[in-house]
Amino acid sequence: MDQINLFPLFLSFRVALTATLFTILIGLPIAYFLSRSKSKFADFLDTIITLPIVLPPTVLGYYLLVLLGRQSGIGRFLETHFNIMIVFTPTGAVLAAMIVSIPFLIKSAKAAFENIDPNIVNAARVLGRTELNIFMTVIIPLAWRGIVAGITLGFARALGDFGTTLMVAGSIPNKTMTMPIAIYDALLAGNRELANILVFIMTVVSLVVLFTINRLEKRVSKRGTR
């Protein structure tokens, strides 16, 4: 058999890591807002954020294509003024992975934020700390277990996304073909041997990543209880 192309594996990791980074930066403030607000807008926003979990990936990918495709207003604006194209590019793969993974972080972090004793936060305010300082030095340390759990789930979801990524980024070899899409293409081509090898690699990598993250989480937890 020909040499296995590991580009899809490296691309999957790069896409998942980049998507997870953006998920953390965007998701944590949203999760904190949702945990504190009881407004109708917060309920609506929470509903919208949950949609990627229940919508079929192809439907979600279709929405992204309509919103960001070259024929859309946003797509034309980005291409005309900044020469940025999202559809059928690695950027599109990152965006798709972020959209499907961000609900897991927000839901987990929101639950962790809601379990924080408000008296602790109020005490920090009485001491004169700013809201940003309170968020970084009080809220995050108290909710870190839920946040780490959300990051883990989000990364795993981004690493294994197929449908949304295929719709938005396509399956261009050595450009946008992630590992799940490479497995699909191998099956379509009737190359079961290659598909089996890719599935085995993906399974082993996923297990190693999740096991490593769980071990790190336990180590940090033990240090925090000393």
C-alpha atoms as a PDB file:
ATOM      1  CA  MET A   1       0.000   0.000   0.000  1.00  0.00           C
ATOM      2  CA  ASP A   2       1.134   3.554  -0.686  1.00  0.00           C
ATOM      3  CA  GLN A   3       2.565   5.667   2.101  1.00  0.00           C
ATOM      4  CA  ILE A   4      -0.157   7.089   4.345  1.00  0.00           C
ATOM      5  CA  ASN A   5      -0.596  10.844   4.103  1.00  0.00           C
ATOM      6  CA  LEU A   6      -0.635  12.216   7.648  1.00  0.00           C
ATOM      7  CA  PHE A   7      -1.552  15.736   6.576  1.00  0.00           C
ATOM      8  CA  PRO A   8      -5.228  15.208   7.535  1.00  0.00           C
ATOM      9  CA  LEU A   9      -4.170  14.224  11.057  1.00  0.00           C
ATOM     10  CA  PHE A  10      -1.934  17.280  11.506  1.00  0.00           C
ATOM     11  CA  LEU A  11      -4.624  19.527  10.022  1.00  0.00           C
ATOM     12  CA  SER A  12      -7.233  18.069  12.363  1.00  0.00           C
ATOM     13  CA  PHE A  13      -5.056  18.888  15.359  1.00  0.00           C
ATOM     14  CA  ARG A  14      -4.292  22.389  14.106  1.00  0.00           C
ATOM     15  CA  VAL A  15      -7.946  23.069  13.410  1.00  0.00           C
ATOM     16  CA  ALA A  16      -9.073  21.651  16.764  1.00  0.00           C
ATOM     17  CA  LEU A  17      -6.445  23.574  18.753  1.00  0.00           C
ATOM     18  CA  THR A  18      -7.167  26.858  16.980  1.00  0.00           C
ATOM     19  CA  ALA A  19     -10.919  26.386  17.325  1.00  0.00           C
ATOM     20  CA  THR A  20     -10.523  25.564  21.019  1.00  0.00           C
ATOM     21  CA  LEU A  21      -8.486  28.709  21.615  1.00  0.00           C
ATOM     22  CA  PHE A  22     -11.184  30.888  20.051  1.00  0.00           C
ATOM     23  CA  THR A  23     -13.827  28.898  21.903  1.00  0.00           C
ATOM     24  CA  ILE A  24     -12.184  29.747  25.230  1.00  0.00           C
ATOM     25  CA  LEU A  25     -11.787  33.444  24.408  1.00  0.00           C
ATOM     26  CA  ILE A  26     -15.366  33.820  23.186  1.00  0.00           C
ATOM     27  CA  GLY A  27     -17.154  31.183  25.227  1.00  0.00           C
ATOM     28  CA  LEU A  28     -16.060  32.020  28.765  1.00  0.00           C
ATOM     29  CA  PRO A  29     -17.414  35.599  28.795  1.00  0.00           C
ATOM     30  CA  ILE A  30     -20.681  34.366  27.246  1.00  0.00           C
ATOM     31  CA  ALA A  31     -20.962  31.572  29.807  1.00  0.00           C
ATOM     32  CA  TYR A  32     -20.402  34.019  32.661  1.00  0.00           C
ATOM     33  CA  PHE A  33     -23.006  36.406  31.245  1.00  0.00           C
ATOM     34  CA  LEU A  34     -25.560  33.607  30.910  1.00  0.00           C
ATOM     35  CA  SER A  35     -24.881  32.415  34.459  1.00  0.00           C
ATOM     36  CA  ARG A  36     -25.603  35.883  35.887  1.00  0.00           C
ATOM     37  CA  SER A  37     -28.367  37.209  33.639  1.00  0.00           C
ATOM     38  CA  LYS A  38     -32.029  36.219  33.963  1.00  0.00           C
ATOM     39  CA  SER A  39     -33.243  38.324  31.040  1.00  0.00           C
ATOM     40  CA  LYS A  40     -35.211  37.087  28.051  1.00  0.00           C
ATOM     41  CA  PHE A  41     -32.261  37.991  25.843  1.00  0.00           C
ATOM     42  CA  ALA A  42     -30.043  35.641  27.869  1.00  0.00           C
ATOM     43  CA  ASP A  43     -32.613  32.857  27.437  1.00  0.00           C
ATOM     44  CA  PHE A  44     -32.736  33.509  23.693  1.00  0.00           C
ATOM     45  CA  LEU A  45     -28.939  33.571  23.438  1.00  0.00           C
ATOM     46  CA  ASP A  46     -28.706  30.323  25.409  1.00  0.00           C
ATOM     47  CA  THR A  47     -31.167  28.726  22.993  1.00  0.00           C
ATOM     48  CA  ILE A  48     -29.181  29.864  19.945  1.00  0.00           C
ATOM     49  CA  ILE A  49     -25.940  28.577  21.476  1.00  0.00           C
ATOM     50  CA  THR A  50     -27.518  25.169  22.115  1.00  0.00           C
ATOM     51  CA  LEU A  51     -28.694  24.796  18.501  1.00  0.00           C
ATOM     52  CA  PRO A  52     -25.395  23.339  17.179  1.00  0.00           C
ATOM     53  CA  ILE A  53     -25.825  20.432  19.594  1.00  0.00           C
ATOM     54  CA  VAL A  54     -29.251  19.426  18.281  1.00  0.00           C
ATOM     55  CA  LEU A  55     -29.099  20.538  14.633  1.00  0.00           C
ATOM     56  CA  PRO A  56     -27.820  18.020  12.055  1.00  0.00           C
ATOM     57  CA  PRO A  57     -24.258  18.970  11.014  1.00  0.00           C
ATOM     58  CA  THR A  58     -25.320  19.370   7.386  1.00  0.00           C
ATOM     59  CA  VAL A  59     -28.011  21.879   8.384  1.00  0.00           C
ATOM     60  CA  LEU A  60     -25.520  23.820  10.470  1.00  0.00           C
ATOM     61  CA  GLY A  61     -23.028  23.746   7.613  1.00  0.00           C
ATOM     62  CA  TYR A  62     -25.705  24.972   5.207  1.00  0.00           C
ATOM     63  CA  TYR A  63     -26.460  27.954   7.432  1.00  0.00           C
ATOM     64  CA  LEU A  64     -22.756  28.834   7.543  1.00  0.00           C
ATOM     65  CA  LEU A  65     -22.530  28.552   3.753  1.00  0.00           C
ATOM     66  CA  VAL A  66     -25.508  30.878   3.310  1.00  0.00           C
ATOM     67  CA  LEU A  67     -24.111  33.336   5.847  1.00  0.00           C
ATOM     68  CA  LEU A  68     -20.442  33.331   4.826  1.00  0.00           C
ATOM     69  CA  GLY A  69     -20.353  32.013   1.263  1.00  0.00           C
ATOM     70  CA  ARG A  70     -18.975  34.081  -1.611  1.00  0.00           C
ATOM     71  CA  GLN A  71     -22.496  34.992  -2.710  1.00  0.00           C
ATOM     72  CA  SER A  72     -23.504  36.274   0.739  1.00  0.00           C
ATOM     73  CA  GLY A  73     -23.174  39.888   1.850  1.00  0.00           C
ATOM     74  CA  ILE A  74     -20.589  39.042   4.501  1.00  0.00           C
ATOM     75  CA  GLY A  75     -18.641  36.784   2.163  1.00  0.00           C
ATOM     76  CA  ARG A  76     -18.491  39.393  -0.617  1.00  0.00           C
ATOM     77  CA  PHE A  77     -17.497  42.115   1.843  1.00  0.00           C
ATOM     78  CA  LEU A  78     -14.619  40.068   3.303  1.00  0.00           C
ATOM     79  CA  GLU A  79     -13.361  39.030  -0.127  1.00  0.00           C
ATOM     80  CA  THR A  80     -13.661  42.492  -1.691  1.00  0.00           C
ATOM     81  CA  HIS A  81     -12.178  44.574   1.120  1.00  0.00           C
ATOM     82  CA  PHE A  82      -9.816  42.167   2.872  1.00  0.00           C
ATOM     83  CA  ASN A  83      -9.261  39.394   0.287  1.00  0.00           C
ATOM     84  CA  ILE A  84     -10.481  36.892   2.884  1.00  0.00           C
ATOM     85  CA  MET A  85     -12.346  33.769   1.813  1.00  0.00           C
ATOM     86  CA  ILE A  86     -13.813  31.471   4.435  1.00  0.00           C
ATOM     87  CA  VAL A  87     -15.561  28.764   2.446  1.00  0.00           C
ATOM     88  CA  PHE A  88     -13.328  25.912   1.224  1.00  0.00           C
ATOM     89  CA  THR A  89     -10.332  27.140   3.217  1.00  0.00           C
ATOM     90  CA  PRO A  90      -8.655  26.038   6.483  1.00  0.00           C
ATOM     91  CA  THR A  91     -10.239  29.122   8.044  1.00  0.00           C
ATOM     92  CA  GLY A  92     -13.619  27.658   7.215  1.00  0.00           C
ATOM     93  CA  ALA A  93     -12.622  24.400   8.894  1.00  0.00           C
ATOM     94  CA  VAL A  94     -11.638  26.288  12.053  1.00  0.00           C
ATOM     95  CA  LEU A  95     -14.889  28.240  12.053  1.00  0.00           C
ATOM     96  CA  ALA A  96     -16.952  25.091  11.586  1.00  0.00           C
ATOM     97  CA  ALA A  97     -15.098  23.321  14.391  1.00  0.00           C
ATOM     98  CA  MET A  98     -15.548  26.314  16.689  1.00  0.00           C
ATOM     99  CA  ILE A  99     -19.290  26.555  16.026  1.00  0.00           C
ATOM    100  CA  VAL A 100     -19.906  22.882  16.798  1.00  0.00           C
ATOM    101  CA  SER A 101     -17.674  22.814  19.891  1.00  0.00           C
ATOM    102  CA  ILE A 102     -18.415  26.107  21.643  1.00  0.00           C
ATOM    103  CA  PRO A 103     -21.770  24.967  23.139  1.00  0.00           C
ATOM    104  CA  PHE A 104     -20.003  22.257  25.157  1.00  0.00           C
ATOM    105  CA  LEU A 105     -17.645  24.761  26.786  1.00  0.00           C
ATOM    106  CA  ILE A 106     -20.373  27.319  27.430  1.00  0.00           C
ATOM    107  CA  LYS A 107     -22.770  24.800  28.977  1.00  0.00           C
ATOM    108  CA  SER A 108     -20.108  23.309  31.240  1.00  0.00           C
ATOM    109  CA  ALA A 109     -18.620  26.658  32.273  1.00  0.00           C
ATOM    110  CA  LYS A 110     -22.076  28.161  32.857  1.00  0.00           C
ATOM    111  CA  ALA A 111     -22.967  25.361  35.269  1.00  0.00           C
ATOM    112  CA  ALA A 112     -19.652  25.864  37.088  1.00  0.00           C
ATOM    113  CA  PHE A 113     -20.181  29.639  37.340  1.00  0.00           C
ATOM    114  CA  GLU A 114     -23.693  29.146  38.722  1.00  0.00           C
ATOM    115  CA  ASN A 115     -22.337  26.968  41.549  1.00  0.00           C
ATOM    116  CA  ILE A 116     -20.030  29.714  42.848  1.00  0.00           C
ATOM    117  CA  ASP A 117     -21.135  31.243  46.148  1.00  0.00           C
ATOM    118  CA  PRO A 118     -22.211  34.825  45.308  1.00  0.00           C
ATOM    119  CA  ASN A 119     -21.029  35.962  48.754  1.00  0.00           C
ATOM    120  CA  ILE A 120     -17.444  35.331  47.678  1.00  0.00           C
ATOM    121  CA  VAL A 121     -17.881  37.499  44.599  1.00  0.00           C
ATOM    122  CA  ASN A 122     -19.591  40.240  46.618  1.00  0.00           C
ATOM    123  CA  ALA A 123     -16.770  40.177  49.155  1.00  0.00           C
ATOM    124  CA  ALA A 124     -14.276  40.769  46.351  1.00  0.00           C
ATOM    125  CA  ARG A 125     -16.329  43.743  45.168  1.00  0.00           C
ATOM    126  CA  VAL A 126     -16.364  45.183  48.686  1.00  0.00           C
ATOM    127  CA  LEU A 127     -12.569  44.981  48.693  1.00  0.00           C
ATOM    128  CA  GLY A 128     -12.542  47.251  45.658  1.00  0.00           C
ATOM    129  CA  ARG A 129     -11.615  44.787  42.931  1.00  0.00           C
ATOM    130  CA  THR A 130     -12.730  45.456  39.366  1.00  0.00           C
ATOM    131  CA  GLU A 131     -15.092  43.085  37.592  1.00  0.00           C
ATOM    132  CA  LEU A 132     -12.311  41.937  35.262  1.00  0.00           C
ATOM    133  CA  ASN A 133     -10.018  41.291  38.211  1.00  0.00           C
ATOM    134  CA  ILE A 134     -12.757  39.354  39.992  1.00  0.00           C
ATOM    135  CA  PHE A 135     -13.416  37.275  36.881  1.00  0.00           C
ATOM    136  CA  MET A 136      -9.752  36.385  36.380  1.00  0.00           C
ATOM    137  CA  THR A 137      -8.655  35.899  40.006  1.00  0.00           C
ATOM    138  CA  VAL A 138     -11.821  34.685  41.727  1.00  0.00           C
ATOM    139  CA  ILE A 139     -14.373  33.297  39.260  1.00  0.00           C
ATOM    140  CA  ILE A 140     -12.002  31.358  36.994  1.00  0.00           C
ATOM    141  CA  PRO A 141     -10.056  29.642  39.835  1.00  0.00           C
ATOM    142  CA  LEU A 142     -13.299  28.586  41.542  1.00  0.00           C
ATOM    143  CA  ALA A 143     -14.871  27.241  38.354  1.00  0.00           C
ATOM    144  CA  TRP A 144     -11.780  25.740  36.727  1.00  0.00           C
ATOM    145  CA  ARG A 145     -12.956  22.113  36.928  1.00  0.00           C
ATOM    146  CA  GLY A 146     -16.094  22.831  34.929  1.00  0.00           C
ATOM    147  CA  ILE A 147     -14.112  24.962  32.505  1.00  0.00           C
ATOM    148  CA  VAL A 148     -11.516  22.235  31.919  1.00  0.00           C
ATOM    149  CA  ALA A 149     -14.282  19.683  31.390  1.00  0.00           C
ATOM    150  CA  GLY A 150     -15.876  21.981  28.823  1.00  0.00           C
ATOM    151  CA  ILE A 151     -12.564  22.582  27.071  1.00  0.00           C
ATOM    152  CA  THR A 152     -11.945  18.830  26.899  1.00  0.00           C
ATOM    153  CA  LEU A 153     -15.361  18.103  25.424  1.00  0.00           C
ATOM    154  CA  GLY A 154     -15.069  21.018  23.018  1.00  0.00           C
ATOM    155  CA  PHE A 155     -11.639  19.947  21.783  1.00  0.00           C
ATOM    156  CA  ALA A 156     -12.801  16.371  21.285  1.00  0.00           C
ATOM    157  CA  ARG A 157     -15.845  17.596  19.362  1.00  0.00           C
ATOM    158  CA  ALA A 158     -13.731  19.889  17.182  1.00  0.00           C
ATOM    159  CA  LEU A 159     -11.211  17.133  16.500  1.00  0.00           C
ATOM    160  CA  GLY A 160     -13.870  14.718  15.313  1.00  0.00           C
ATOM    161  CA  ASP A 161     -16.220  17.039  13.427  1.00  0.00           C
ATOM    162  CA  PHE A 162     -17.199  15.813   9.995  1.00  0.00           C
ATOM    163  CA  GLY A 163     -20.475  17.095   8.583  1.00  0.00           C
ATOM    164  CA  THR A 164     -20.178  20.813   9.270  1.00  0.00           C
ATOM    165  CA  THR A 165     -16.516  20.917   8.262  1.00  0.00           C
ATOM    166  CA  LEU A 166     -17.228  19.062   5.030  1.00  0.00           C
ATOM    167  CA  MET A 167     -19.996  21.507   4.127  1.00  0.00           C
ATOM    168  CA  VAL A 168     -17.987  24.639   4.877  1.00  0.00           C
ATOM    169  CA  ALA A 169     -14.377  23.653   4.111  1.00  0.00           C
ATOM    170  CA  GLY A 170     -14.842  20.837   1.613  1.00  0.00           C
ATOM    171  CA  SER A 171     -12.446  17.932   1.142  1.00  0.00           C
ATOM    172  CA  ILE A 172      -9.537  19.459  -0.751  1.00  0.00           C
ATOM    173  CA  PRO A 173      -6.461  17.182  -0.382  1.00  0.00           C
ATOM    174  CA  ASN A 174      -3.545  18.772   1.484  1.00  0.00           C
ATOM    175  CA  LYS A 175      -5.613  21.872   2.146  1.00  0.00           C
ATOM    176  CA  THR A 176      -8.924  21.296   3.951  1.00  0.00           C
ATOM    177  CA  MET A 177      -9.144  17.514   4.272  1.00  0.00           C
ATOM    178  CA  THR A 178      -9.271  16.691   7.973  1.00  0.00           C
ATOM    179  CA  MET A 179      -8.979  13.167   9.376  1.00  0.00           C
ATOM    180  CA  PRO A 180     -12.722  12.354   9.529  1.00  0.00           C
ATOM    181  CA  ILE A 181     -13.140  13.551   5.940  1.00  0.00           C
ATOM    182  CA  ALA A 182     -10.109  11.502   4.835  1.00  0.00           C
ATOM    183  CA  ILE A 183     -11.744   8.408   6.330  1.00  0.00           C
ATOM    184  CA  TYR A 184     -14.960   9.172   4.462  1.00  0.00           C
ATOM    185  CA  ASP A 185     -13.090   9.681   1.188  1.00  0.00           C
ATOM    186  CA  ALA A 186     -11.218   6.406   1.648  1.00  0.00           C
ATOM    187  CA  LEU A 187     -14.516   4.557   2.094  1.00  0.00           C
ATOM    188  CA  LEU A 188     -16.002   6.258  -0.969  1.00  0.00           C
ATOM    189  CA  ALA A 189     -12.970   5.171  -2.989  1.00  0.00           C
ATOM    190  CA  GLY A 190     -13.432   1.600  -1.786  1.00  0.00           C
ATOM    191  CA  ASN A 191     -10.066   1.603  -0.005  1.00  0.00           C
ATOM    192  CA  ARG A 192     -11.133  -0.196   3.175  1.00  0.00           C
ATOM    193  CA  GLU A 193      -7.541  -0.941   4.166  1.00  0.00           C
ATOM    194  CA  LEU A 194      -6.672   2.751   4.241  1.00  0.00           C
ATOM    195  CA  ALA A 195      -9.956   3.562   5.995  1.00  0.00           C
ATOM    196  CA  ASN A 196      -9.229   0.969   8.706  1.00  0.00           C
ATOM    197  CA  ILE A 197      -5.746   2.378   9.278  1.00  0.00           C
ATOM    198  CA  LEU A 198      -7.021   5.956   9.481  1.00  0.00           C
ATOM    199  CA  VAL A 199      -9.812   4.927  11.864  1.00  0.00           C
ATOM    200  CA  PHE A 200      -7.292   3.118  14.066  1.00  0.00           C
ATOM    201  CA  ILE A 201      -4.966   6.145  14.111  1.00  0.00           C
ATOM    202  CA  MET A 202      -7.836   8.510  14.912  1.00  0.00           C
ATOM    203  CA  THR A 203      -9.091   6.259  17.710  1.00  0.00           C
ATOM    204  CA  VAL A 204      -5.657   5.899  19.300  1.00  0.00           C
ATOM    205  CA  VAL A 205      -4.938   9.619  19.048  1.00  0.00           C
ATOM    206  CA  SER A 206      -8.318  10.511  20.563  1.00  0.00           C
ATOM    207  CA  LEU A 207      -7.817   8.095  23.449  1.00  0.00           C
ATOM    208  CA  VAL A 208      -4.314   9.420  24.139  1.00  0.00           C
ATOM    209  CA  VAL A 209      -5.501  13.033  24.076  1.00  0.00           C
ATOM    210  CA  LEU A 210      -8.435  12.416  26.410  1.00  0.00           C
ATOM    211  CA  PHE A 211      -6.374  10.244  28.774  1.00  0.00           C
ATOM    212  CA  THR A 212      -3.623  12.875  28.936  1.00  0.00           C
ATOM    213  CA  ILE A 213      -6.098  15.666  29.639  1.00  0.00           C
ATOM    214  CA  ASN A 214      -7.803  13.632  32.364  1.00  0.00           C
ATOM    215  CA  ARG A 215      -4.470  12.876  34.027  1.00  0.00           C
ATOM    216  CA  LEU A 216      -3.435  16.532  33.927  1.00  0.00           C
ATOM    217  CA  GLU A 217      -6.783  17.517  35.411  1.00  0.00           C
ATOM    218  CA  LYS A 218      -6.324  15.085  38.292  1.00  0.00           C
ATOM    219  CA  ARG A 219      -2.798  16.351  38.973  1.00  0.00           C
ATOM    220  CA  VAL A 220      -3.978  19.941  39.086  1.00  0.00           C
ATOM    221  CA  SER A 221      -6.859  18.912  41.340  1.00  0.00           C
ATOM    222  CA  LYS A 222      -4.464  17.213  43.795  1.00  0.00           C
ATOM    223  CA  ARG A 223      -2.226  20.280  43.902  1.00  0.00           C
ATOM    224  CA  GLY A 224      -5.240  22.475  44.575  1.00  0.00           C
ATOM    225  CA  THR A 225      -6.281  20.408  47.592  1.00  0.00           C
ATOM    226  CA  ARG A 226      -2.888  20.540  49.291  1.00  0.00           C
END
